[in-house]
Amino acid sequence: MVAGAVRYCPIVKTALRILGLACLSAATGWVLLGLRASGWNLRGAWRSACDLCSRPAGFRYAGPVFGRQPEVVCLRCIADGTAAISLGLRDGIRAEFTDVGWGVPDDVPKAVREEISQRTPGFIGWQQEHWLYHCADAAAFLGRVGWDDVRPLPDALASLRADLVQLGVDASAAEEQIAAMHRDGELTGYLFRCLHCGTHFAYSDAS
């Protein structure tokens, strides 16, 4: 069922990527799936109106905005692209909400990269945040994690080790660093899951 939704419905696909967030008007065609406070930068804004659409915001996005800075922007306006256009800079450069990441696989389409940067809420890390990819697609961001969260996920552990080794950390130090991760600490992991095969993978950073 999920595979069919991913193949035929881009809106549901985007909702799966930002795995978490409440429910918005069906008229927008936008589905949000259960707020995960550990991963998303949202604030309750039940009585506040979105600066862009003037509708009740519900949740106010409080993550990165690479563009003009709004006081209140709702998730609807991010998801349908209104925010990227309205908060864009001069010369037609659209606002972005997350870094698509470096080393994006060649088989990830440009449309997917634009969906992540312009129509998907970003998250805040210690250093420069970036998205992860698998199966020629952007993955779902599940949130900040610590050692206890990734210990039962061998595929996530493998990706954390590989990422640290690539950065020049030796194998024993990498194991120590992973074991010291805490979701609310100064050494944190960021967990993703592939929308197609279910593989978990992650990267880490520190203050």
N, C-alpha and C. Protein backbone atom coordinates (compact mmCIF):
# COMPACT_ATOMS: atom_id res chain seq x y z
N MET A 1 0.84 -1.20 0.00
CA MET A 1 0.00 0.00 0.00
C MET A 1 0.88 1.25 0.00
N VAL A 2 1.89 1.24 0.87
CA VAL A 2 2.78 2.39 0.92
C VAL A 2 3.52 2.54 -0.39
N ALA A 3 3.98 1.41 -0.95
CA ALA A 3 4.72 1.48 -2.21
C ALA A 3 3.88 2.12 -3.30
N GLY A 4 2.58 1.77 -3.35
CA GLY A 4 1.70 2.36 -4.34
C GLY A 4 1.53 3.85 -4.13
N ALA A 5 1.41 4.24 -2.86
CA ALA A 5 1.27 5.66 -2.56
C ALA A 5 2.52 6.42 -2.97
N VAL A 6 3.67 5.82 -2.70
CA VAL A 6 4.92 6.47 -3.05
C VAL A 6 5.04 6.63 -4.56
N ARG A 7 4.58 5.63 -5.29
CA ARG A 7 4.73 5.68 -6.74
C ARG A 7 3.78 6.67 -7.37
N TYR A 8 2.53 6.76 -6.86
CA TYR A 8 1.53 7.52 -7.59
C TYR A 8 1.09 8.82 -6.93
N CYS A 9 1.51 9.07 -5.72
CA CYS A 9 1.02 10.27 -5.04
C CYS A 9 2.16 11.05 -4.43
N PRO A 10 2.68 12.08 -5.10
CA PRO A 10 3.80 12.84 -4.57
C PRO A 10 3.52 13.49 -3.23
N ILE A 11 2.27 13.90 -2.99
CA ILE A 11 1.96 14.55 -1.72
C ILE A 11 2.12 13.57 -0.56
N VAL A 12 1.59 12.35 -0.73
CA VAL A 12 1.77 11.34 0.32
C VAL A 12 3.24 11.01 0.47
N LYS A 13 3.97 10.97 -0.64
CA LYS A 13 5.40 10.69 -0.60
C LYS A 13 6.13 11.73 0.23
N THR A 14 5.81 13.00 0.03
CA THR A 14 6.44 14.06 0.81
C THR A 14 6.07 13.92 2.28
N ALA A 15 4.81 13.60 2.55
CA ALA A 15 4.38 13.43 3.94
C ALA A 15 5.15 12.31 4.61
N LEU A 16 5.40 11.23 3.90
CA LEU A 16 6.16 10.13 4.47
C LEU A 16 7.59 10.57 4.78
N ARG A 17 8.14 11.43 3.93
CA ARG A 17 9.50 11.89 4.15
C ARG A 17 9.60 12.72 5.42
N ILE A 18 8.61 13.54 5.69
CA ILE A 18 8.70 14.40 6.86
C ILE A 18 7.98 13.78 8.04
N LEU A 19 7.94 12.49 8.02
CA LEU A 19 7.32 11.61 8.98
C LEU A 19 7.03 12.27 10.29
N GLY A 20 6.01 12.85 10.41
CA GLY A 20 5.58 13.35 11.64
C GLY A 20 4.66 14.47 11.66
N LEU A 21 3.90 15.05 11.95
CA LEU A 21 3.37 16.41 11.99
C LEU A 21 1.87 16.42 12.20
N ALA A 22 0.84 16.15 12.43
CA ALA A 22 -0.54 16.34 12.75
C ALA A 22 -1.38 16.28 11.51
N CYS A 23 -2.45 16.93 11.44
CA CYS A 23 -3.32 16.77 10.27
C CYS A 23 -3.79 18.14 9.81
N LEU A 24 -3.73 18.37 8.55
CA LEU A 24 -4.17 19.64 8.00
C LEU A 24 -5.37 19.41 7.10
N SER A 25 -5.95 20.49 6.64
CA SER A 25 -7.15 20.43 5.82
C SER A 25 -6.98 19.53 4.61
N ALA A 26 -7.95 18.64 4.39
CA ALA A 26 -7.89 17.75 3.23
C ALA A 26 -7.95 18.53 1.94
N ALA A 27 -8.49 19.74 2.00
CA ALA A 27 -8.59 20.56 0.79
C ALA A 27 -7.23 20.91 0.22
N THR A 28 -6.20 20.89 1.05
CA THR A 28 -4.86 21.19 0.56
C THR A 28 -4.22 19.98 -0.09
N GLY A 29 -4.81 18.81 0.10
CA GLY A 29 -4.21 17.59 -0.41
C GLY A 29 -2.97 17.18 0.35
N TRP A 30 -2.81 17.68 1.56
CA TRP A 30 -1.58 17.50 2.33
C TRP A 30 -1.86 16.64 3.55
N VAL A 31 -1.07 15.60 3.74
CA VAL A 31 -1.25 14.69 4.86
C VAL A 31 -0.03 14.78 5.77
N LEU A 32 -0.26 14.92 7.06
CA LEU A 32 0.84 14.94 8.01
C LEU A 32 0.66 13.79 8.98
N LEU A 33 1.74 13.24 9.45
CA LEU A 33 1.65 11.96 10.12
C LEU A 33 2.15 11.92 11.56
N GLY A 34 1.71 12.57 12.51
CA GLY A 34 2.00 12.37 13.92
C GLY A 34 3.26 13.03 14.45
N LEU A 35 3.17 14.14 15.07
CA LEU A 35 4.32 14.95 15.47
C LEU A 35 5.36 14.16 16.26
N ARG A 36 6.64 14.29 15.81
CA ARG A 36 7.76 13.70 16.53
C ARG A 36 8.64 14.82 16.99
N ALA A 37 8.46 15.24 18.23
CA ALA A 37 9.13 16.46 18.70
C ALA A 37 10.64 16.33 18.70
N SER A 38 11.16 15.09 18.81
CA SER A 38 12.61 14.94 18.86
C SER A 38 13.27 15.33 17.56
N GLY A 39 12.52 15.30 16.45
CA GLY A 39 13.16 15.55 15.17
C GLY A 39 12.75 16.83 14.50
N TRP A 40 11.60 17.39 14.83
CA TRP A 40 11.09 18.52 14.06
C TRP A 40 11.05 19.78 14.89
N ASN A 41 11.32 20.90 14.23
CA ASN A 41 11.37 22.19 14.90
C ASN A 41 10.05 22.91 14.68
N LEU A 42 9.08 22.57 15.52
CA LEU A 42 7.74 23.11 15.41
C LEU A 42 7.33 23.71 16.74
N ARG A 43 6.49 24.72 16.68
CA ARG A 43 5.96 25.33 17.90
C ARG A 43 4.45 25.43 17.76
N GLY A 44 3.73 25.20 18.85
CA GLY A 44 2.29 25.36 18.80
C GLY A 44 1.92 26.79 18.44
N ALA A 45 1.01 26.94 17.50
CA ALA A 45 0.59 28.29 17.08
C ALA A 45 -0.90 28.27 16.79
N TRP A 46 -1.64 27.74 17.75
CA TRP A 46 -3.06 27.48 17.51
C TRP A 46 -3.84 28.76 17.21
N ARG A 47 -3.43 29.89 17.80
CA ARG A 47 -4.17 31.14 17.60
C ARG A 47 -3.47 32.07 16.63
N SER A 48 -2.36 31.64 16.07
CA SER A 48 -1.61 32.49 15.15
C SER A 48 -1.94 32.16 13.71
N ALA A 49 -1.97 33.19 12.88
CA ALA A 49 -2.23 33.00 11.46
C ALA A 49 -0.90 32.96 10.71
N CYS A 50 -0.86 32.14 9.69
CA CYS A 50 0.33 32.07 8.84
C CYS A 50 0.50 33.40 8.12
N ASP A 51 1.74 33.89 8.05
CA ASP A 51 2.02 35.16 7.38
C ASP A 51 1.71 35.10 5.90
N LEU A 52 1.71 33.91 5.32
CA LEU A 52 1.59 33.79 3.87
C LEU A 52 0.16 33.52 3.41
N CYS A 53 -0.55 32.64 4.11
CA CYS A 53 -1.90 32.27 3.66
C CYS A 53 -3.00 32.81 4.56
N SER A 54 -2.62 33.36 5.72
CA SER A 54 -3.56 33.96 6.69
C SER A 54 -4.48 32.95 7.36
N ARG A 55 -4.26 31.68 7.15
CA ARG A 55 -5.05 30.66 7.83
C ARG A 55 -4.39 30.29 9.15
N PRO A 56 -5.17 29.71 10.11
CA PRO A 56 -4.56 29.30 11.38
C PRO A 56 -3.38 28.36 11.12
N ALA A 57 -2.27 28.64 11.76
CA ALA A 57 -1.06 27.89 11.47
C ALA A 57 -1.08 26.49 12.07
N GLY A 58 -1.74 26.32 13.23
CA GLY A 58 -1.68 25.03 13.90
C GLY A 58 -0.32 24.84 14.53
N PHE A 59 0.64 24.38 13.74
CA PHE A 59 2.03 24.34 14.15
C PHE A 59 2.79 25.41 13.38
N ARG A 60 3.64 26.14 14.07
CA ARG A 60 4.50 27.13 13.43
C ARG A 60 5.87 26.52 13.20
N TYR A 61 6.30 26.52 11.96
CA TYR A 61 7.62 25.99 11.62
C TYR A 61 8.70 26.88 12.21
N ALA A 62 9.66 26.28 12.90
CA ALA A 62 10.73 27.05 13.55
C ALA A 62 12.10 26.51 13.16
N GLY A 63 12.18 25.87 11.99
CA GLY A 63 13.45 25.34 11.52
C GLY A 63 14.15 26.32 10.60
N PRO A 64 15.18 25.85 9.90
CA PRO A 64 15.96 26.74 9.03
C PRO A 64 15.13 27.30 7.88
N VAL A 65 15.38 28.56 7.54
CA VAL A 65 14.81 29.18 6.34
C VAL A 65 15.95 29.92 5.65
N PHE A 66 16.33 29.45 4.48
CA PHE A 66 17.36 30.12 3.70
C PHE A 66 16.66 31.05 2.72
N GLY A 67 16.27 32.22 3.23
CA GLY A 67 15.49 33.20 2.48
C GLY A 67 15.01 34.26 3.44
N ARG A 68 13.94 34.97 3.09
CA ARG A 68 13.36 35.94 4.01
C ARG A 68 12.78 35.23 5.21
N GLN A 69 12.89 35.85 6.37
CA GLN A 69 12.49 35.20 7.62
C GLN A 69 11.06 35.58 8.01
N PRO A 70 10.12 34.63 8.01
CA PRO A 70 8.74 34.94 8.41
C PRO A 70 8.60 34.87 9.93
N GLU A 71 7.59 35.53 10.45
CA GLU A 71 7.26 35.39 11.86
C GLU A 71 6.55 34.07 12.09
N VAL A 72 5.56 33.77 11.25
CA VAL A 72 4.82 32.50 11.34
C VAL A 72 4.63 31.96 9.93
N VAL A 73 5.06 30.74 9.68
CA VAL A 73 4.78 30.07 8.40
C VAL A 73 4.25 28.68 8.72
N CYS A 74 3.17 28.31 8.06
CA CYS A 74 2.54 27.03 8.35
C CYS A 74 3.11 25.93 7.46
N LEU A 75 2.83 24.71 7.84
CA LEU A 75 3.34 23.55 7.11
C LEU A 75 2.67 23.39 5.76
N ARG A 76 1.43 23.86 5.65
CA ARG A 76 0.74 23.80 4.35
C ARG A 76 1.54 24.57 3.30
N CYS A 77 1.96 25.79 3.68
CA CYS A 77 2.64 26.66 2.71
C CYS A 77 4.02 26.14 2.34
N ILE A 78 4.66 25.43 3.26
CA ILE A 78 5.92 24.78 2.90
C ILE A 78 5.65 23.64 1.93
N ALA A 79 4.65 22.81 2.25
CA ALA A 79 4.39 21.60 1.46
C ALA A 79 3.94 21.90 0.04
N ASP A 80 3.18 22.97 -0.17
CA ASP A 80 2.67 23.22 -1.53
C ASP A 80 3.56 24.17 -2.33
N GLY A 81 4.69 24.59 -1.74
CA GLY A 81 5.63 25.42 -2.46
C GLY A 81 5.41 26.91 -2.34
N THR A 82 4.30 27.32 -1.70
CA THR A 82 4.01 28.74 -1.54
C THR A 82 5.13 29.45 -0.78
N ALA A 83 5.62 28.82 0.29
CA ALA A 83 6.64 29.45 1.12
C ALA A 83 7.95 29.64 0.36
N ALA A 84 8.33 28.66 -0.43
CA ALA A 84 9.59 28.77 -1.19
C ALA A 84 9.55 29.96 -2.14
N ILE A 85 8.39 30.19 -2.75
CA ILE A 85 8.25 31.31 -3.68
C ILE A 85 8.13 32.63 -2.92
N SER A 86 7.25 32.67 -1.93
CA SER A 86 6.97 33.94 -1.23
C SER A 86 8.14 34.43 -0.38
N LEU A 87 8.95 33.51 0.13
CA LEU A 87 10.07 33.89 0.98
C LEU A 87 11.39 33.94 0.22
N GLY A 88 11.30 33.81 -1.09
CA GLY A 88 12.49 33.82 -1.91
C GLY A 88 13.19 35.16 -1.93
N LEU A 89 14.43 35.15 -2.33
CA LEU A 89 15.23 36.36 -2.42
C LEU A 89 15.07 37.00 -3.78
N ARG A 90 15.77 38.07 -4.00
CA ARG A 90 15.69 38.75 -5.29
C ARG A 90 16.21 37.87 -6.42
N ASP A 91 15.91 38.26 -7.64
CA ASP A 91 16.35 37.54 -8.84
C ASP A 91 15.69 36.17 -8.97
N GLY A 92 14.56 35.99 -8.30
CA GLY A 92 13.80 34.76 -8.47
C GLY A 92 14.36 33.55 -7.77
N ILE A 93 15.33 33.74 -6.87
CA ILE A 93 15.89 32.61 -6.12
C ILE A 93 14.91 32.20 -5.03
N ARG A 94 14.46 30.96 -5.07
CA ARG A 94 13.47 30.49 -4.10
C ARG A 94 14.11 30.19 -2.75
N ALA A 95 13.30 30.37 -1.70
CA ALA A 95 13.76 30.02 -0.36
C ALA A 95 13.91 28.50 -0.25
N GLU A 96 14.80 28.08 0.63
CA GLU A 96 14.99 26.66 0.90
C GLU A 96 14.92 26.42 2.40
N PHE A 97 14.56 25.19 2.77
CA PHE A 97 14.33 24.86 4.17
C PHE A 97 15.28 23.79 4.69
N THR A 98 16.05 23.20 3.79
CA THR A 98 17.04 22.22 4.21
C THR A 98 18.10 22.11 3.14
N ASP A 99 19.26 21.63 3.53
CA ASP A 99 20.35 21.39 2.59
C ASP A 99 20.15 20.01 1.98
N VAL A 100 20.12 19.94 0.67
CA VAL A 100 19.91 18.62 0.04
C VAL A 100 21.07 17.69 0.32
N GLY A 101 22.20 18.23 0.73
CA GLY A 101 23.34 17.40 1.07
C GLY A 101 24.38 17.39 -0.03
N TRP A 102 25.59 17.01 0.34
CA TRP A 102 26.65 16.88 -0.64
C TRP A 102 26.75 15.41 -1.05
N GLY A 103 27.30 15.18 -2.20
CA GLY A 103 27.43 13.80 -2.66
C GLY A 103 26.10 13.13 -2.92
N VAL A 104 25.09 13.89 -3.38
CA VAL A 104 23.79 13.29 -3.70
C VAL A 104 24.00 12.28 -4.83
N PRO A 105 23.50 11.05 -4.69
CA PRO A 105 23.69 10.05 -5.75
C PRO A 105 23.19 10.54 -7.10
N ASP A 106 23.88 10.15 -8.15
CA ASP A 106 23.53 10.60 -9.50
C ASP A 106 22.14 10.17 -9.93
N ASP A 107 21.63 9.07 -9.33
CA ASP A 107 20.32 8.57 -9.76
C ASP A 107 19.15 9.24 -9.05
N VAL A 108 19.42 10.22 -8.18
CA VAL A 108 18.34 10.97 -7.53
C VAL A 108 17.93 12.11 -8.45
N PRO A 109 16.67 12.13 -8.90
CA PRO A 109 16.23 13.16 -9.86
C PRO A 109 16.28 14.57 -9.27
N LYS A 110 16.42 15.53 -10.16
CA LYS A 110 16.42 16.94 -9.75
C LYS A 110 15.12 17.30 -9.04
N ALA A 111 13.99 16.74 -9.50
CA ALA A 111 12.70 17.04 -8.87
C ALA A 111 12.67 16.62 -7.41
N VAL A 112 13.34 15.54 -7.08
CA VAL A 112 13.40 15.08 -5.69
C VAL A 112 14.25 16.05 -4.86
N ARG A 113 15.37 16.48 -5.41
CA ARG A 113 16.22 17.43 -4.69
C ARG A 113 15.47 18.74 -4.43
N GLU A 114 14.67 19.19 -5.40
CA GLU A 114 13.90 20.41 -5.20
C GLU A 114 12.79 20.20 -4.18
N GLU A 115 12.20 19.02 -4.17
CA GLU A 115 11.15 18.73 -3.18
C GLU A 115 11.71 18.80 -1.77
N ILE A 116 12.92 18.26 -1.58
CA ILE A 116 13.54 18.29 -0.26
C ILE A 116 13.91 19.71 0.14
N SER A 117 14.54 20.45 -0.76
CA SER A 117 15.04 21.78 -0.39
C SER A 117 13.93 22.81 -0.26
N GLN A 118 12.88 22.71 -1.08
CA GLN A 118 11.89 23.79 -1.17
C GLN A 118 10.52 23.44 -0.59
N ARG A 119 10.21 22.16 -0.42
CA ARG A 119 8.85 21.80 0.02
C ARG A 119 8.84 20.81 1.19
N THR A 120 9.97 20.67 1.85
CA THR A 120 10.06 19.77 3.00
C THR A 120 10.65 20.53 4.19
N PRO A 121 9.99 20.52 5.35
CA PRO A 121 10.55 21.22 6.52
C PRO A 121 11.93 20.69 6.87
N GLY A 122 12.83 21.59 7.23
CA GLY A 122 14.17 21.19 7.62
C GLY A 122 14.25 20.86 9.09
N PHE A 123 15.43 20.39 9.50
CA PHE A 123 15.68 20.11 10.92
C PHE A 123 16.97 20.81 11.31
N ILE A 124 17.18 20.97 12.61
CA ILE A 124 18.34 21.69 13.11
C ILE A 124 19.32 20.72 13.73
N GLY A 125 20.56 20.78 13.27
CA GLY A 125 21.63 19.97 13.84
C GLY A 125 22.69 20.86 14.47
N TRP A 126 23.75 20.24 14.97
CA TRP A 126 24.83 21.02 15.56
C TRP A 126 25.62 21.74 14.48
N GLN A 127 25.90 21.06 13.37
CA GLN A 127 26.63 21.66 12.26
C GLN A 127 25.66 21.84 11.09
N GLN A 128 26.17 21.85 9.87
CA GLN A 128 25.30 22.00 8.71
C GLN A 128 24.48 20.73 8.48
N GLU A 129 23.18 20.85 8.55
CA GLU A 129 22.31 19.70 8.35
C GLU A 129 22.33 19.28 6.87
N HIS A 130 22.11 18.00 6.61
CA HIS A 130 21.97 17.57 5.23
C HIS A 130 21.10 16.32 5.17
N TRP A 131 20.48 16.14 4.02
CA TRP A 131 19.55 15.02 3.83
C TRP A 131 20.31 13.79 3.36
N LEU A 132 19.68 12.61 3.53
CA LEU A 132 20.26 11.36 3.06
C LEU A 132 19.32 10.69 2.06
N TYR A 133 19.88 9.81 1.22
CA TYR A 133 19.15 9.24 0.08
C TYR A 133 19.40 7.73 -0.01
N HIS A 134 18.43 7.05 -0.61
CA HIS A 134 18.56 5.60 -0.82
C HIS A 134 17.57 5.19 -1.90
N CYS A 135 17.90 4.19 -2.66
CA CYS A 135 17.02 3.68 -3.72
C CYS A 135 16.59 4.80 -4.68
N ALA A 136 17.53 5.64 -5.06
CA ALA A 136 17.28 6.72 -6.03
C ALA A 136 16.21 7.70 -5.57
N ASP A 137 16.10 7.89 -4.26
CA ASP A 137 15.06 8.76 -3.72
C ASP A 137 15.55 9.36 -2.41
N ALA A 138 14.90 10.43 -1.97
CA ALA A 138 15.17 10.98 -0.65
C ALA A 138 14.50 10.12 0.40
N ALA A 139 15.16 9.96 1.52
CA ALA A 139 14.63 9.12 2.60
C ALA A 139 13.75 9.93 3.53
N ALA A 140 13.10 9.23 4.46
CA ALA A 140 12.31 9.88 5.51
C ALA A 140 13.22 10.19 6.69
N PHE A 141 13.16 11.41 7.17
CA PHE A 141 13.90 11.79 8.37
C PHE A 141 13.08 11.40 9.59
N LEU A 142 13.68 10.59 10.48
CA LEU A 142 12.94 10.10 11.65
C LEU A 142 13.24 10.88 12.92
N GLY A 143 14.33 11.64 12.94
CA GLY A 143 14.59 12.45 14.12
C GLY A 143 16.00 12.30 14.65
N ARG A 144 16.30 13.07 15.68
CA ARG A 144 17.58 12.97 16.36
C ARG A 144 17.60 11.70 17.20
N VAL A 145 18.76 11.06 17.27
CA VAL A 145 18.86 9.79 17.98
C VAL A 145 20.16 9.71 18.77
N GLY A 146 20.15 8.83 19.77
CA GLY A 146 21.34 8.51 20.54
C GLY A 146 21.68 7.04 20.40
N TRP A 147 22.66 6.60 21.18
CA TRP A 147 23.14 5.22 21.10
C TRP A 147 22.02 4.22 21.36
N ASP A 148 21.19 4.46 22.35
CA ASP A 148 20.12 3.51 22.68
C ASP A 148 19.13 3.35 21.53
N ASP A 149 18.96 4.41 20.72
CA ASP A 149 18.02 4.36 19.61
C ASP A 149 18.57 3.55 18.43
N VAL A 150 19.87 3.66 18.17
CA VAL A 150 20.44 3.01 16.98
C VAL A 150 21.04 1.63 17.29
N ARG A 151 21.22 1.31 18.55
CA ARG A 151 21.84 0.03 18.92
C ARG A 151 21.15 -1.16 18.28
N PRO A 152 19.80 -1.19 18.20
CA PRO A 152 19.14 -2.35 17.56
C PRO A 152 19.02 -2.24 16.04
N LEU A 153 19.67 -1.25 15.42
CA LEU A 153 19.55 -1.02 13.98
C LEU A 153 20.91 -1.21 13.31
N PRO A 154 21.26 -2.44 12.93
CA PRO A 154 22.60 -2.70 12.39
C PRO A 154 22.91 -1.91 11.12
N ASP A 155 21.91 -1.67 10.28
CA ASP A 155 22.17 -0.91 9.06
C ASP A 155 22.50 0.55 9.38
N ALA A 156 21.82 1.12 10.38
CA ALA A 156 22.12 2.48 10.80
C ALA A 156 23.52 2.56 11.42
N LEU A 157 23.87 1.57 12.22
CA LEU A 157 25.20 1.54 12.82
C LEU A 157 26.28 1.46 11.74
N ALA A 158 26.04 0.65 10.74
CA ALA A 158 27.02 0.50 9.66
C ALA A 158 27.23 1.82 8.93
N SER A 159 26.14 2.56 8.70
CA SER A 159 26.27 3.83 8.00
C SER A 159 26.96 4.87 8.87
N LEU A 160 26.71 4.86 10.17
CA LEU A 160 27.40 5.77 11.07
C LEU A 160 28.91 5.50 11.08
N ARG A 161 29.28 4.22 11.14
CA ARG A 161 30.70 3.85 11.12
C ARG A 161 31.35 4.30 9.82
N ALA A 162 30.69 4.01 8.69
CA ALA A 162 31.25 4.36 7.39
C ALA A 162 31.42 5.87 7.25
N ASP A 163 30.45 6.63 7.76
CA ASP A 163 30.52 8.09 7.66
C ASP A 163 31.71 8.62 8.46
N LEU A 164 31.91 8.11 9.67
CA LEU A 164 33.01 8.58 10.51
C LEU A 164 34.36 8.19 9.94
N VAL A 165 34.47 6.96 9.43
CA VAL A 165 35.72 6.53 8.82
C VAL A 165 36.05 7.39 7.62
N GLN A 166 35.05 7.74 6.84
CA GLN A 166 35.26 8.60 5.68
C GLN A 166 35.77 9.97 6.10
N LEU A 167 35.40 10.41 7.30
CA LEU A 167 35.85 11.70 7.82
C LEU A 167 37.24 11.61 8.46
N GLY A 168 37.83 10.42 8.45
CA GLY A 168 39.17 10.25 8.98
C GLY A 168 39.25 9.76 10.40
N VAL A 169 38.12 9.36 10.99
CA VAL A 169 38.11 8.83 12.36
C VAL A 169 38.47 7.35 12.30
N ASP A 170 39.42 6.91 13.14
CA ASP A 170 39.78 5.49 13.09
C ASP A 170 38.67 4.64 13.68
N ALA A 171 38.71 3.35 13.40
CA ALA A 171 37.59 2.45 13.71
C ALA A 171 37.26 2.42 15.19
N SER A 172 38.28 2.34 16.07
CA SER A 172 38.00 2.25 17.51
C SER A 172 37.41 3.56 18.03
N ALA A 173 37.92 4.68 17.55
CA ALA A 173 37.37 5.97 17.97
C ALA A 173 35.95 6.16 17.46
N ALA A 174 35.68 5.64 16.27
CA ALA A 174 34.33 5.72 15.72
C ALA A 174 33.34 4.98 16.61
N GLU A 175 33.73 3.79 17.08
CA GLU A 175 32.85 3.02 17.97
C GLU A 175 32.58 3.78 19.25
N GLU A 176 33.61 4.40 19.81
CA GLU A 176 33.43 5.19 21.04
C GLU A 176 32.51 6.37 20.80
N GLN A 177 32.67 7.01 19.66
CA GLN A 177 31.86 8.18 19.37
C GLN A 177 30.39 7.80 19.19
N ILE A 178 30.13 6.71 18.50
CA ILE A 178 28.75 6.26 18.30
C ILE A 178 28.11 5.89 19.63
N ALA A 179 28.86 5.20 20.49
CA ALA A 179 28.33 4.79 21.79
C ALA A 179 28.06 5.99 22.69
N ALA A 180 28.70 7.12 22.42
CA ALA A 180 28.52 8.32 23.25
C ALA A 180 27.39 9.22 22.75
N MET A 181 26.76 8.86 21.64
CA MET A 181 25.70 9.72 21.09
C MET A 181 24.49 9.77 22.03
N HIS A 182 23.89 10.95 22.10
CA HIS A 182 22.64 11.14 22.86
C HIS A 182 21.75 12.07 22.06
N ARG A 183 20.49 11.75 21.98
CA ARG A 183 19.59 12.55 21.14
C ARG A 183 19.51 14.01 21.58
N ASP A 184 19.71 14.27 22.86
CA ASP A 184 19.66 15.64 23.36
C ASP A 184 21.03 16.11 23.86
N GLY A 185 22.08 15.42 23.46
CA GLY A 185 23.40 15.76 23.94
C GLY A 185 24.20 16.58 22.94
N GLU A 186 25.48 16.73 23.22
CA GLU A 186 26.36 17.50 22.36
C GLU A 186 26.97 16.66 21.25
N LEU A 187 26.69 15.37 21.25
CA LEU A 187 27.05 14.46 20.16
C LEU A 187 25.77 13.70 19.80
N THR A 188 25.27 13.93 18.60
CA THR A 188 23.93 13.51 18.23
C THR A 188 23.93 12.80 16.88
N GLY A 189 23.02 11.83 16.74
CA GLY A 189 22.82 11.19 15.45
C GLY A 189 21.52 11.67 14.81
N TYR A 190 21.43 11.51 13.48
CA TYR A 190 20.25 11.93 12.71
C TYR A 190 19.84 10.74 11.87
N LEU A 191 18.66 10.19 12.17
CA LEU A 191 18.25 8.91 11.61
C LEU A 191 17.28 9.08 10.44
N PHE A 192 17.50 8.29 9.38
CA PHE A 192 16.65 8.28 8.20
C PHE A 192 16.24 6.84 7.89
N ARG A 193 15.16 6.72 7.10
CA ARG A 193 14.72 5.40 6.64
C ARG A 193 14.30 5.47 5.19
N CYS A 194 14.74 4.51 4.40
CA CYS A 194 14.39 4.47 2.99
C CYS A 194 12.90 4.22 2.82
N LEU A 195 12.27 4.99 1.93
CA LEU A 195 10.83 4.84 1.68
C LEU A 195 10.52 3.59 0.88
N HIS A 196 11.53 2.99 0.25
CA HIS A 196 11.28 1.87 -0.65
C HIS A 196 11.65 0.52 -0.03
N CYS A 197 12.85 0.42 0.56
CA CYS A 197 13.29 -0.88 1.09
C CYS A 197 13.31 -0.92 2.61
N GLY A 198 13.12 0.21 3.28
CA GLY A 198 13.06 0.23 4.74
C GLY A 198 14.40 0.28 5.44
N THR A 199 15.50 0.38 4.69
CA THR A 199 16.82 0.45 5.30
C THR A 199 16.95 1.70 6.16
N HIS A 200 17.55 1.53 7.36
CA HIS A 200 17.83 2.67 8.22
C HIS A 200 19.29 3.10 8.02
N PHE A 201 19.53 4.40 8.04
CA PHE A 201 20.89 4.90 7.98
C PHE A 201 20.92 6.25 8.68
N ALA A 202 22.13 6.70 9.02
CA ALA A 202 22.24 7.87 9.87
C ALA A 202 23.60 8.53 9.68
N TYR A 203 23.70 9.76 10.16
CA TYR A 203 24.99 10.42 10.31
C TYR A 203 25.00 11.10 11.66
N SER A 204 26.16 11.52 12.10
CA SER A 204 26.28 12.15 13.41
C SER A 204 27.05 13.45 13.32
N ASP A 205 26.84 14.34 14.27
CA ASP A 205 27.68 15.53 14.39
C ASP A 205 27.72 15.97 15.85
N ALA A 206 28.57 16.95 16.13
CA ALA A 206 28.79 17.38 17.51
C ALA A 206 28.85 18.89 17.59
N SER A 207 28.67 19.40 18.79
CA SER A 207 28.70 20.84 19.01
C SER A 207 30.11 21.40 18.83
